[in-house]
Amino acid sequence: MRTTHPQRLFSNLQETLHSRSGEDEGGVLLSFTGHLSTEVQDSLLLLLENALEGAAVKRKLLNRISTTLVECLQNVSRHGWIDDGGNIQLYLTLEQTPLGFQIQSGNFVDFDMAANLRGKLSEVNGLSHEQLRVKYVERLCNNDWSEKGGAGLGLLSMAKKSNGPLDYQFKEMSDGMYLFTLAIMVKS
């Protein structure tokens, strides 16, 4: 199965985000569209750190944002749909808003991936901050690793760092795939 024109789709999404820059304080500090690889992940983390230091973000908040971005990228790399070329398409933005910093990522998923993610996100969003902390520690202590190398900690960690629900949507594409978008607000 081949998704048509992923670059055009991602470019349109990025244009929408960039058009919001300058409306309020802050704006888009980092954006990326393309294939996700280890090299890209490393580069994005370096760019993120430089952008946040340039915005005079305190080290503690910078660490929370960086950790959240790492979890987001790991989620995409472990659960993103791999195209015919063996690549995972990703778009990513970091935007400074009056409330804090919003990380938004998007990637393609198939029907089964979407159903699995919906269930996990619904569960995580239904937990209080204390319940998130307890569930995180339980998963960490159980050493319950999946075949993809994760312990199911990513969404829990992102929800803990954001102090609020994880905002997400699944947009059905014409070829039976979904564009999964995850937005995480890390409050200042």
Protein backbone atom coordinates (compact mmCIF):
# COMPACT_ATOMS: atom_id res chain seq x y z
CA MET A 1 0.00 0.00 0.00
CA ARG A 2 1.43 3.38 -0.95
CA THR A 3 0.41 6.72 0.52
CA THR A 4 0.11 9.37 -2.16
CA HIS A 5 2.00 12.63 -1.90
CA PRO A 6 3.13 12.51 1.75
CA GLN A 7 5.57 15.38 1.22
CA ARG A 8 2.81 17.65 -0.11
CA LEU A 9 0.58 16.75 2.83
CA PHE A 10 3.31 17.43 5.37
CA SER A 11 4.26 20.68 3.64
CA ASN A 12 0.66 21.88 3.82
CA LEU A 13 0.52 21.10 7.52
CA GLN A 14 3.77 22.97 8.11
CA GLU A 15 2.53 26.00 6.14
CA THR A 16 -0.53 26.11 8.37
CA LEU A 17 1.62 26.11 11.50
CA HIS A 18 4.01 28.71 10.12
CA SER A 19 1.12 30.99 9.20
CA ARG A 20 0.28 31.17 12.91
CA SER A 21 3.78 32.38 13.77
CA GLY A 22 3.82 35.99 14.81
CA GLU A 23 0.12 36.08 15.77
CA ASP A 24 0.91 35.71 19.47
CA GLU A 25 4.13 35.78 21.43
CA GLY A 26 6.57 33.10 20.42
CA GLY A 27 5.91 31.22 17.22
CA VAL A 28 7.41 28.20 15.54
CA LEU A 29 10.93 27.56 16.84
CA LEU A 30 11.56 24.29 15.01
CA SER A 31 9.94 22.43 12.16
CA PHE A 32 10.87 19.34 10.20
CA THR A 33 9.32 17.28 7.44
CA GLY A 34 10.84 14.11 6.03
CA HIS A 35 12.04 10.60 6.76
CA LEU A 36 12.73 9.67 10.36
CA SER A 37 16.15 8.13 11.02
CA THR A 38 18.59 7.99 13.92
CA GLU A 39 20.63 10.80 12.35
CA VAL A 40 17.51 12.94 11.95
CA GLN A 41 16.52 12.31 15.58
CA ASP A 42 19.96 13.37 16.80
CA SER A 43 19.89 16.50 14.63
CA LEU A 44 16.39 17.44 15.78
CA LEU A 45 17.42 17.18 19.43
CA LEU A 46 20.42 19.43 18.82
CA LEU A 47 18.28 21.96 16.92
CA LEU A 48 15.67 21.83 19.67
CA GLU A 49 18.23 22.57 22.35
CA ASN A 50 19.69 25.47 20.33
CA ALA A 51 16.23 26.93 19.66
CA LEU A 52 15.24 26.73 23.33
CA GLU A 53 18.52 28.22 24.52
CA GLY A 54 17.99 31.03 21.99
CA ALA A 55 14.54 31.59 23.52
CA ALA A 56 16.17 31.82 26.99
CA VAL A 57 14.32 28.77 28.33
CA LYS A 58 15.45 27.65 31.77
CA ARG A 59 17.31 24.33 31.97
CA LYS A 60 14.57 22.48 33.90
CA LEU A 61 11.92 23.37 31.30
CA LEU A 62 14.37 22.64 28.47
CA ASN A 63 14.87 19.14 29.91
CA ARG A 64 11.09 18.54 30.13
CA ILE A 65 10.61 19.63 26.52
CA SER A 66 13.60 17.58 25.30
CA THR A 67 12.40 14.45 27.11
CA THR A 68 8.93 14.89 25.65
CA LEU A 69 10.35 15.30 22.14
CA VAL A 70 12.47 12.16 22.54
CA GLU A 71 9.40 10.17 23.65
CA CYS A 72 7.43 11.55 20.72
CA LEU A 73 10.14 10.54 18.21
CA GLN A 74 10.49 7.10 19.77
CA ASN A 75 6.72 6.62 19.54
CA VAL A 76 6.82 7.44 15.83
CA SER A 77 9.88 5.27 15.16
CA ARG A 78 8.40 2.26 16.97
CA HIS A 79 4.81 2.57 15.81
CA GLY A 80 4.87 4.58 12.59
CA TRP A 81 3.85 3.09 9.27
CA ILE A 82 6.82 2.09 7.11
CA ASP A 83 6.33 2.99 3.43
CA ASP A 84 7.40 1.00 0.37
CA GLY A 85 10.86 2.57 0.54
CA GLY A 86 11.37 1.39 4.14
CA ASN A 87 10.93 4.88 5.57
CA ILE A 88 8.71 6.46 8.18
CA GLN A 89 7.41 9.88 7.16
CA LEU A 90 7.26 12.48 9.93
CA TYR A 91 6.42 16.10 10.41
CA LEU A 92 7.37 17.81 13.64
CA THR A 93 7.03 21.31 15.01
CA LEU A 94 7.91 23.06 18.23
CA GLU A 95 5.92 26.19 18.85
CA GLN A 96 6.20 28.70 21.68
CA THR A 97 2.77 29.84 22.84
CA PRO A 98 1.55 31.99 25.73
CA LEU A 99 0.83 28.77 27.69
CA GLY A 100 4.17 27.06 27.07
CA PHE A 101 5.71 24.98 24.31
CA GLN A 102 3.68 22.79 22.00
CA ILE A 103 5.27 19.82 20.28
CA GLN A 104 3.24 18.55 17.37
CA SER A 105 4.12 15.46 15.39
CA GLY A 106 2.38 13.68 12.58
CA ASN A 107 2.94 10.39 10.83
CA PHE A 108 1.00 7.80 8.89
CA VAL A 109 -0.57 4.76 10.54
CA ASP A 110 -2.77 1.98 9.21
CA PHE A 111 -6.17 0.96 10.59
CA ASP A 112 -4.82 -1.46 13.22
CA MET A 113 -2.18 1.01 14.42
CA ALA A 114 -4.85 3.72 14.69
CA ALA A 115 -7.14 1.48 16.73
CA ASN A 116 -4.31 0.50 19.08
CA LEU A 117 -3.21 4.12 19.56
CA ARG A 118 -6.78 5.32 20.17
CA GLY A 119 -7.17 2.81 22.99
CA LYS A 120 -3.86 3.69 24.62
CA LEU A 121 -4.40 7.44 24.31
CA SER A 122 -7.91 7.19 25.69
CA GLU A 123 -6.60 5.24 28.68
CA VAL A 124 -3.76 7.70 29.35
CA ASN A 125 -6.01 10.75 29.00
CA GLY A 126 -8.42 9.22 31.53
CA LEU A 127 -5.81 9.10 34.28
CA SER A 128 -5.12 11.77 36.90
CA HIS A 129 -1.56 13.02 37.39
CA GLU A 130 -1.19 10.75 40.44
CA GLN A 131 -2.57 7.75 38.52
CA LEU A 132 -0.13 8.48 35.68
CA ARG A 133 2.76 8.45 38.14
CA VAL A 134 1.63 5.16 39.72
CA LYS A 135 1.04 3.46 36.35
CA TYR A 136 4.45 4.68 35.11
CA VAL A 137 6.24 3.18 38.12
CA GLU A 138 4.27 -0.09 37.79
CA ARG A 139 5.24 -0.47 34.12
CA LEU A 140 8.84 0.40 34.89
CA CYS A 141 9.00 -2.21 37.67
CA ASN A 142 7.27 -4.95 35.66
CA ASN A 143 9.94 -5.02 32.92
CA ASP A 144 7.15 -5.75 30.45
CA TRP A 145 8.94 -5.05 27.15
CA SER A 146 7.17 -5.36 23.82
CA GLU A 147 8.67 -6.94 20.71
CA LYS A 148 9.36 -3.41 19.43
CA GLY A 149 11.52 -2.64 22.46
CA GLY A 150 9.18 -0.42 24.44
CA ALA A 151 7.55 -0.86 27.81
CA GLY A 152 4.56 1.36 27.07
CA LEU A 153 6.08 4.25 29.00
CA GLY A 154 6.17 6.83 26.20
CA LEU A 155 2.58 8.06 26.29
CA LEU A 156 2.58 7.97 30.10
CA SER A 157 5.77 10.01 30.21
CA MET A 158 4.45 12.56 27.71
CA ALA A 159 1.21 12.94 29.68
CA LYS A 160 3.17 13.43 32.92
CA LYS A 161 5.41 16.10 31.37
CA SER A 162 2.50 17.97 29.82
CA ASN A 163 0.35 18.10 32.96
CA GLY A 164 -2.72 17.70 30.81
CA PRO A 165 -4.41 15.49 28.26
CA LEU A 166 -2.60 14.53 25.08
CA ASP A 167 -4.34 16.12 22.11
CA TYR A 168 -4.56 13.84 19.09
CA GLN A 169 -6.48 13.18 15.93
CA PHE A 170 -6.66 10.63 13.15
CA LYS A 171 -7.42 12.00 9.71
CA GLU A 172 -8.48 9.28 7.30
CA MET A 173 -6.66 9.46 3.97
CA SER A 174 -8.02 8.35 0.62
CA ASP A 175 -5.88 5.18 0.54
CA GLY A 176 -7.08 3.64 3.83
CA MET A 177 -4.26 5.14 5.86
CA TYR A 178 -4.59 7.69 8.64
CA LEU A 179 -2.56 10.76 9.42
CA PHE A 180 -1.96 10.54 13.16
CA THR A 181 -1.28 13.91 14.75
CA LEU A 182 -0.20 14.24 18.37
CA ALA A 183 0.08 17.61 20.09
CA ILE A 184 1.64 17.92 23.51
CA MET A 185 1.68 21.17 25.47
CA VAL A 186 4.56 21.45 27.94
CA LYS A 187 3.48 24.32 30.16
CA SER A 188 5.97 26.97 31.24
